Amino acid sequence: MKRIAIAVWMSFGIMAEEKTRLQLGSPVPNAGDGRIAMVYLPNIADAAACRAEMTKLADMQKAAREVGVTVTAVVPLEEAKWRTACTGAPSDVRIVFNPGASAMQQLTAFVEAGRVRRILKSDPAATVADVKAWEDGKAIYDAQCARCHGPDGSDMNYPEIKSLTGIGNRIDGAEIIRRTFLTGAVDLSSLSAARLRALGIYVAGL
């Protein structure tokens, strides 16, 4: 099975340029090719706030382990400054210090092959469910769609075929499936509602 990475942003504020930067299909620097969850922590000012964030990380790691994901927390401070307020990070969560990182709104972005494939609110149970749905959608896409659209959705070698790259930034997965039915180019009638949703999730992240 192809390895998947997940990037997770946790905070309360979001800058306009960051909102536009976090796009489906956009690259995630230094994401690597393993199964990871990059958690961007807010600027933690005291021990109570630290405990709350570490609890979130532990819960995320426990859920993420079900799909072979390891959590990496990115801290927007220098290590010495952060550790004066925050101690007791979960032992199985990797901490990376990046003083230049900007805090972002609480989001989860699935990253595969170094690119954002899925964005949703940070919820451990939803994270696991969406990773499984994404994998199911990929299997359906590879079997029924890749022959015309190519393995990454960028092929335009057939008449009327358009690139699927970045399509999820224009329309959501449900609309992608609806339009696919309208074209009549591929028969998806045998797929259950859950599998259609999974295919929409996958294609939206191409």
C-alpha atoms as a PDB file:
ATOM      1  CA  MET A   1       0.000   0.000   0.000  1.00  0.00           C
ATOM      2  CA  LYS A   2       1.332   3.440  -0.896  1.00  0.00           C
ATOM      3  CA  ARG A   3       2.371   5.397   2.148  1.00  0.00           C
ATOM      4  CA  ILE A   4       0.364   8.441   3.163  1.00  0.00           C
ATOM      5  CA  ALA A   5       1.294  11.491   5.186  1.00  0.00           C
ATOM      6  CA  ILE A   6      -1.110  13.682   7.106  1.00  0.00           C
ATOM      7  CA  ALA A   7      -0.493  17.299   8.030  1.00  0.00           C
ATOM      8  CA  VAL A   8      -2.471  18.790  10.898  1.00  0.00           C
ATOM      9  CA  TRP A   9      -2.697  22.467  11.840  1.00  0.00           C
ATOM     10  CA  MET A  10      -3.952  23.421  15.325  1.00  0.00           C
ATOM     11  CA  SER A  11      -4.553  27.008  16.431  1.00  0.00           C
ATOM     12  CA  PHE A  12      -7.247  29.682  16.643  1.00  0.00           C
ATOM     13  CA  GLY A  13      -6.287  32.321  14.082  1.00  0.00           C
ATOM     14  CA  ILE A  14      -5.523  32.203  10.388  1.00  0.00           C
ATOM     15  CA  MET A  15      -3.960  34.775   8.112  1.00  0.00           C
ATOM     16  CA  ALA A  16      -5.445  35.469   4.695  1.00  0.00           C
ATOM     17  CA  GLU A  17      -2.316  34.410   2.815  1.00  0.00           C
ATOM     18  CA  GLU A  18      -2.193  31.127   4.772  1.00  0.00           C
ATOM     19  CA  LYS A  19      -5.812  30.432   3.893  1.00  0.00           C
ATOM     20  CA  THR A  20      -4.998  30.706   0.216  1.00  0.00           C
ATOM     21  CA  ARG A  21      -1.737  28.778   0.587  1.00  0.00           C
ATOM     22  CA  LEU A  22      -3.382  25.651   2.044  1.00  0.00           C
ATOM     23  CA  GLN A  23      -4.870  24.297  -1.162  1.00  0.00           C
ATOM     24  CA  LEU A  24      -5.677  20.778  -2.284  1.00  0.00           C
ATOM     25  CA  GLY A  25      -2.844  19.513  -4.427  1.00  0.00           C
ATOM     26  CA  SER A  26      -0.392  22.086  -3.073  1.00  0.00           C
ATOM     27  CA  PRO A  27       3.063  20.880  -1.927  1.00  0.00           C
ATOM     28  CA  VAL A  28       3.934  20.512   1.747  1.00  0.00           C
ATOM     29  CA  PRO A  29       7.644  21.258   2.296  1.00  0.00           C
ATOM     30  CA  ASN A  30       9.610  18.569   4.131  1.00  0.00           C
ATOM     31  CA  ALA A  31       6.595  16.291   4.487  1.00  0.00           C
ATOM     32  CA  GLY A  32       8.642  13.275   3.489  1.00  0.00           C
ATOM     33  CA  ASP A  33       7.151  10.121   2.048  1.00  0.00           C
ATOM     34  CA  GLY A  34       6.191   8.304   5.232  1.00  0.00           C
ATOM     35  CA  ARG A  35       2.945   8.209   7.161  1.00  0.00           C
ATOM     36  CA  ILE A  36       3.136  11.310   9.334  1.00  0.00           C
ATOM     37  CA  ALA A  37       0.857  13.901  10.886  1.00  0.00           C
ATOM     38  CA  MET A  38       2.375  17.375  10.994  1.00  0.00           C
ATOM     39  CA  VAL A  39       0.701  19.275  13.838  1.00  0.00           C
ATOM     40  CA  TYR A  40       1.311  23.033  13.821  1.00  0.00           C
ATOM     41  CA  LEU A  41       0.897  24.125  17.439  1.00  0.00           C
ATOM     42  CA  PRO A  42      -0.185  27.613  18.510  1.00  0.00           C
ATOM     43  CA  ASN A  43       2.092  29.870  20.541  1.00  0.00           C
ATOM     44  CA  ILE A  44       1.786  28.206  23.964  1.00  0.00           C
ATOM     45  CA  ALA A  45       2.093  30.696  26.824  1.00  0.00           C
ATOM     46  CA  ASP A  46       1.605  28.609  29.973  1.00  0.00           C
ATOM     47  CA  ALA A  47       1.565  25.101  31.422  1.00  0.00           C
ATOM     48  CA  ALA A  48      -2.237  24.742  31.299  1.00  0.00           C
ATOM     49  CA  ALA A  49      -2.328  25.553  27.585  1.00  0.00           C
ATOM     50  CA  CYS A  50       0.551  23.157  27.057  1.00  0.00           C
ATOM     51  CA  ARG A  51      -1.280  20.293  28.802  1.00  0.00           C
ATOM     52  CA  ALA A  52      -4.360  20.905  26.653  1.00  0.00           C
ATOM     53  CA  GLU A  53      -2.327  20.777  23.429  1.00  0.00           C
ATOM     54  CA  MET A  54      -0.355  17.709  24.541  1.00  0.00           C
ATOM     55  CA  THR A  55      -3.656  15.926  25.300  1.00  0.00           C
ATOM     56  CA  LYS A  56      -4.830  16.715  21.756  1.00  0.00           C
ATOM     57  CA  LEU A  57      -1.563  15.346  20.383  1.00  0.00           C
ATOM     58  CA  ALA A  58      -1.829  12.146  22.427  1.00  0.00           C
ATOM     59  CA  ASP A  59      -5.424  11.600  21.288  1.00  0.00           C
ATOM     60  CA  MET A  60      -4.449  12.234  17.684  1.00  0.00           C
ATOM     61  CA  GLN A  61      -1.491   9.856  17.905  1.00  0.00           C
ATOM     62  CA  LYS A  62      -3.625   7.109  19.443  1.00  0.00           C
ATOM     63  CA  ALA A  63      -6.170   7.370  16.622  1.00  0.00           C
ATOM     64  CA  ALA A  64      -3.584   7.887  13.894  1.00  0.00           C
ATOM     65  CA  ARG A  65      -1.721   4.730  14.893  1.00  0.00           C
ATOM     66  CA  GLU A  66      -4.698   2.729  13.595  1.00  0.00           C
ATOM     67  CA  VAL A  67      -3.724   3.784  10.069  1.00  0.00           C
ATOM     68  CA  GLY A  68       0.036   3.645  10.612  1.00  0.00           C
ATOM     69  CA  VAL A  69       0.492   7.396  11.088  1.00  0.00           C
ATOM     70  CA  THR A  70       3.074   9.008  13.390  1.00  0.00           C
ATOM     71  CA  VAL A  71       2.462  12.522  14.705  1.00  0.00           C
ATOM     72  CA  THR A  72       5.018  15.310  14.297  1.00  0.00           C
ATOM     73  CA  ALA A  73       4.360  18.579  16.142  1.00  0.00           C
ATOM     74  CA  VAL A  74       5.783  21.787  14.668  1.00  0.00           C
ATOM     75  CA  VAL A  75       6.320  24.453  17.332  1.00  0.00           C
ATOM     76  CA  PRO A  76       6.464  28.140  16.242  1.00  0.00           C
ATOM     77  CA  LEU A  77       9.062  29.027  18.906  1.00  0.00           C
ATOM     78  CA  GLU A  78      12.687  28.405  19.771  1.00  0.00           C
ATOM     79  CA  GLU A  79      13.093  25.189  21.781  1.00  0.00           C
ATOM     80  CA  ALA A  80      14.339  26.819  24.990  1.00  0.00           C
ATOM     81  CA  LYS A  81      11.499  29.346  25.065  1.00  0.00           C
ATOM     82  CA  TRP A  82       8.846  26.726  24.352  1.00  0.00           C
ATOM     83  CA  ARG A  83      10.095  24.328  27.026  1.00  0.00           C
ATOM     84  CA  THR A  84       9.885  26.966  29.745  1.00  0.00           C
ATOM     85  CA  ALA A  85       6.094  26.794  29.395  1.00  0.00           C
ATOM     86  CA  CYS A  86       5.557  23.359  27.869  1.00  0.00           C
ATOM     87  CA  THR A  87       6.858  20.056  29.189  1.00  0.00           C
ATOM     88  CA  GLY A  88       5.682  16.477  29.130  1.00  0.00           C
ATOM     89  CA  ALA A  89       5.130  16.023  25.398  1.00  0.00           C
ATOM     90  CA  PRO A  90       3.995  12.473  24.519  1.00  0.00           C
ATOM     91  CA  SER A  91       7.088  10.314  23.993  1.00  0.00           C
ATOM     92  CA  ASP A  92       5.844   8.994  20.648  1.00  0.00           C
ATOM     93  CA  VAL A  93       5.232  12.470  19.216  1.00  0.00           C
ATOM     94  CA  ARG A  94       8.177  14.046  17.402  1.00  0.00           C
ATOM     95  CA  ILE A  95       8.681  17.749  18.177  1.00  0.00           C
ATOM     96  CA  VAL A  96      10.167  20.057  15.520  1.00  0.00           C
ATOM     97  CA  PHE A  97      11.014  23.651  16.405  1.00  0.00           C
ATOM     98  CA  ASN A  98      10.402  26.235  13.694  1.00  0.00           C
ATOM     99  CA  PRO A  99      10.422  29.776  15.114  1.00  0.00           C
ATOM    100  CA  GLY A 100       9.313  31.199  11.767  1.00  0.00           C
ATOM    101  CA  ALA A 101       6.164  29.060  11.488  1.00  0.00           C
ATOM    102  CA  SER A 102       2.861  30.924  11.534  1.00  0.00           C
ATOM    103  CA  ALA A 103       0.001  29.568  13.621  1.00  0.00           C
ATOM    104  CA  MET A 104      -2.901  28.238  11.576  1.00  0.00           C
ATOM    105  CA  GLN A 105      -6.528  27.449  12.224  1.00  0.00           C
ATOM    106  CA  GLN A 106      -7.340  23.972  13.513  1.00  0.00           C
ATOM    107  CA  LEU A 107      -7.368  21.874  10.356  1.00  0.00           C
ATOM    108  CA  THR A 108      -6.254  18.444   9.239  1.00  0.00           C
ATOM    109  CA  ALA A 109      -4.658  18.124   5.825  1.00  0.00           C
ATOM    110  CA  PHE A 110      -3.929  14.677   4.458  1.00  0.00           C
ATOM    111  CA  VAL A 111      -0.678  14.723   2.516  1.00  0.00           C
ATOM    112  CA  GLU A 112       0.368  12.029   0.048  1.00  0.00           C
ATOM    113  CA  ALA A 113       3.399  12.204  -2.227  1.00  0.00           C
ATOM    114  CA  GLY A 114       4.236  15.540  -0.623  1.00  0.00           C
ATOM    115  CA  ARG A 115       0.941  17.217  -1.551  1.00  0.00           C
ATOM    116  CA  VAL A 116      -2.243  18.144   0.328  1.00  0.00           C
ATOM    117  CA  ARG A 117      -5.002  15.681  -0.577  1.00  0.00           C
ATOM    118  CA  ARG A 118      -7.723  16.325   2.006  1.00  0.00           C
ATOM    119  CA  ILE A 119      -8.565  19.162   4.423  1.00  0.00           C
ATOM    120  CA  LEU A 120     -10.973  18.923   7.374  1.00  0.00           C
ATOM    121  CA  LYS A 121     -11.316  19.912  11.019  1.00  0.00           C
ATOM    122  CA  SER A 122      -8.958  18.138  13.368  1.00  0.00           C
ATOM    123  CA  ASP A 123     -10.831  15.177  14.862  1.00  0.00           C
ATOM    124  CA  PRO A 124      -9.051  11.871  15.639  1.00  0.00           C
ATOM    125  CA  ALA A 125     -11.990   9.661  14.665  1.00  0.00           C
ATOM    126  CA  ALA A 126     -12.653  11.649  11.479  1.00  0.00           C
ATOM    127  CA  THR A 127      -8.957  11.513  10.640  1.00  0.00           C
ATOM    128  CA  VAL A 128      -8.899   7.721  10.720  1.00  0.00           C
ATOM    129  CA  ALA A 129     -12.183   7.443   8.794  1.00  0.00           C
ATOM    130  CA  ASP A 130     -11.006   9.837   6.100  1.00  0.00           C
ATOM    131  CA  VAL A 131      -7.653   8.091   5.640  1.00  0.00           C
ATOM    132  CA  LYS A 132      -9.511   4.827   5.115  1.00  0.00           C
ATOM    133  CA  ALA A 133     -11.984   6.512   2.732  1.00  0.00           C
ATOM    134  CA  TRP A 134      -9.124   8.131   0.817  1.00  0.00           C
ATOM    135  CA  GLU A 135      -7.426   4.748   0.374  1.00  0.00           C
ATOM    136  CA  ASP A 136     -10.706   3.167  -0.793  1.00  0.00           C
ATOM    137  CA  GLY A 137     -11.209   6.051  -3.232  1.00  0.00           C
ATOM    138  CA  LYS A 138      -7.714   5.595  -4.616  1.00  0.00           C
ATOM    139  CA  ALA A 139      -8.384   1.909  -5.296  1.00  0.00           C
ATOM    140  CA  ILE A 140     -11.606   2.792  -7.155  1.00  0.00           C
ATOM    141  CA  TYR A 141      -9.867   5.552  -9.121  1.00  0.00           C
ATOM    142  CA  ASP A 142      -6.987   3.261 -10.119  1.00  0.00           C
ATOM    143  CA  ALA A 143      -9.456   0.624 -11.326  1.00  0.00           C
ATOM    144  CA  GLN A 144     -11.978   2.833 -13.128  1.00  0.00           C
ATOM    145  CA  CYS A 145     -10.535   6.275 -13.828  1.00  0.00           C
ATOM    146  CA  ALA A 146      -6.756   6.156 -14.206  1.00  0.00           C
ATOM    147  CA  ARG A 147      -6.849   4.599 -17.671  1.00  0.00           C
ATOM    148  CA  CYS A 148      -8.220   7.872 -19.072  1.00  0.00           C
ATOM    149  CA  HIS A 149      -7.154  10.490 -16.530  1.00  0.00           C
ATOM    150  CA  GLY A 150      -3.752   9.016 -15.720  1.00  0.00           C
ATOM    151  CA  PRO A 151      -2.414   7.927 -12.334  1.00  0.00           C
ATOM    152  CA  ASP A 152      -2.306  11.491 -11.004  1.00  0.00           C
ATOM    153  CA  GLY A 153      -5.323  12.927 -12.845  1.00  0.00           C
ATOM    154  CA  SER A 154      -3.276  15.162 -15.137  1.00  0.00           C
ATOM    155  CA  ASP A 155      -3.636  13.245 -18.424  1.00  0.00           C
ATOM    156  CA  MET A 156      -5.632  14.898 -21.226  1.00  0.00           C
ATOM    157  CA  ASN A 157      -4.935  12.428 -24.029  1.00  0.00           C
ATOM    158  CA  TYR A 158      -8.555  11.477 -24.702  1.00  0.00           C
ATOM    159  CA  PRO A 159     -11.161  13.731 -26.378  1.00  0.00           C
ATOM    160  CA  GLU A 160     -13.145  15.847 -23.870  1.00  0.00           C
ATOM    161  CA  ILE A 161     -10.804  14.825 -21.042  1.00  0.00           C
ATOM    162  CA  LYS A 162      -9.651  17.684 -18.812  1.00  0.00           C
ATOM    163  CA  SER A 163      -6.974  17.661 -16.140  1.00  0.00           C
ATOM    164  CA  LEU A 164      -8.250  16.864 -12.655  1.00  0.00           C
ATOM    165  CA  THR A 165      -5.323  18.592 -10.960  1.00  0.00           C
ATOM    166  CA  GLY A 166      -6.618  20.939  -8.259  1.00  0.00           C
ATOM    167  CA  ILE A 167     -10.276  20.207  -9.044  1.00  0.00           C
ATOM    168  CA  GLY A 168     -11.107  20.012  -5.331  1.00  0.00           C
ATOM    169  CA  ASN A 169     -10.318  23.716  -4.969  1.00  0.00           C
ATOM    170  CA  ARG A 170     -13.187  24.509  -7.369  1.00  0.00           C
ATOM    171  CA  ILE A 171     -15.837  21.918  -6.503  1.00  0.00           C
ATOM    172  CA  ASP A 172     -16.238  19.402  -3.675  1.00  0.00           C
ATOM    173  CA  GLY A 173     -16.237  15.629  -3.880  1.00  0.00           C
ATOM    174  CA  ALA A 174     -20.019  15.291  -4.066  1.00  0.00           C
ATOM    175  CA  GLU A 175     -20.190  17.687  -7.019  1.00  0.00           C
ATOM    176  CA  ILE A 176     -17.350  15.830  -8.746  1.00  0.00           C
ATOM    177  CA  ILE A 177     -19.352  12.601  -8.516  1.00  0.00           C
ATOM    178  CA  ARG A 178     -22.559  14.308  -9.702  1.00  0.00           C
ATOM    179  CA  ARG A 179     -20.828  15.724 -12.781  1.00  0.00           C
ATOM    180  CA  THR A 180     -19.194  12.375 -13.507  1.00  0.00           C
ATOM    181  CA  PHE A 181     -22.638  10.742 -13.604  1.00  0.00           C
ATOM    182  CA  LEU A 182     -23.872  13.480 -15.948  1.00  0.00           C
ATOM    183  CA  THR A 183     -21.102  12.865 -18.480  1.00  0.00           C
ATOM    184  CA  GLY A 184     -21.999   9.201 -18.806  1.00  0.00           C
ATOM    185  CA  ALA A 185     -18.345   8.518 -19.587  1.00  0.00           C
ATOM    186  CA  VAL A 186     -17.948   5.963 -16.800  1.00  0.00           C
ATOM    187  CA  ASP A 187     -20.500   3.714 -15.107  1.00  0.00           C
ATOM    188  CA  LEU A 188     -20.423   4.213 -11.342  1.00  0.00           C
ATOM    189  CA  SER A 189     -23.899   2.820 -10.697  1.00  0.00           C
ATOM    190  CA  SER A 190     -22.558  -0.289  -8.957  1.00  0.00           C
ATOM    191  CA  LEU A 191     -20.818   1.758  -6.252  1.00  0.00           C
ATOM    192  CA  SER A 192     -22.438   2.277  -2.854  1.00  0.00           C
ATOM    193  CA  ALA A 193     -22.929   5.779  -1.450  1.00  0.00           C
ATOM    194  CA  ALA A 194     -19.922   5.263   0.845  1.00  0.00           C
ATOM    195  CA  ARG A 195     -17.679   4.226  -2.058  1.00  0.00           C
ATOM    196  CA  LEU A 196     -18.873   7.127  -4.196  1.00  0.00           C
ATOM    197  CA  ARG A 197     -18.007   9.491  -1.336  1.00  0.00           C
ATOM    198  CA  ALA A 198     -14.589   7.844  -1.057  1.00  0.00           C
ATOM    199  CA  LEU A 199     -13.966   8.325  -4.779  1.00  0.00           C
ATOM    200  CA  GLY A 200     -14.996  11.969  -4.490  1.00  0.00           C
ATOM    201  CA  ILE A 201     -12.582  12.462  -1.577  1.00  0.00           C
ATOM    202  CA  TYR A 202      -9.728  10.995  -3.576  1.00  0.00           C
ATOM    203  CA  VAL A 203     -10.384  12.845  -6.836  1.00  0.00           C
ATOM    204  CA  ALA A 204     -10.843  16.152  -5.008  1.00  0.00           C
ATOM    205  CA  GLY A 205      -7.250  15.875  -3.812  1.00  0.00           C
ATOM    206  CA  LEU A 206      -5.631  15.254  -7.188  1.00  0.00           C
END
